[in-house]
């Protein structure tokens, strides 16, 4: 089993879209996806609530259903990950330099996806962000599929060599 964690600042939009879309299109049941945020969103202003509602509405138009509330990052969650994908331009990757609680062969990937900003046209940002995340998830799945077949091929070569030695 391979575990992937999508991370953004609050786990309200970017990592949620990546996680939900990955789960929707991934056919390999040996890969599990989760999402988390550096900061748990336990309070939203009325403006923020409207923005979250709009984000979910637009995601739904793409067939992406965002259900649960914000989930904070935890050491327990980090310890089981094989791949961490930072789906954000405002989460420093240096946070994950502490190898004490990470797997030694962990892959860290950054996607530099912009967050909504106060005073900006956030509806347009949201409308363009979802397709960007979807494309990145699709590329990730293709890459994981190639790796799977490469590992299978390598395993077959090793087994073939063993058989030759036995003969």
Foldseek 3Di string as FASTA:
>chain_A
DAEEEEEEAAQLAQRLLLQQLLVVPFPDPVYHYYYAHQDHCPDDDPVRVVLSVLLQVLSVVVVGHRDDGHHHDDLVVQQRHQEYEYRALPDDPVVVVPCPSHDPNHHYHYDHQYDADPPDPRSVSSNVRSVSSSVVSVVVSVVVVVVVVVVVVVVVVVVVVVVVVVD
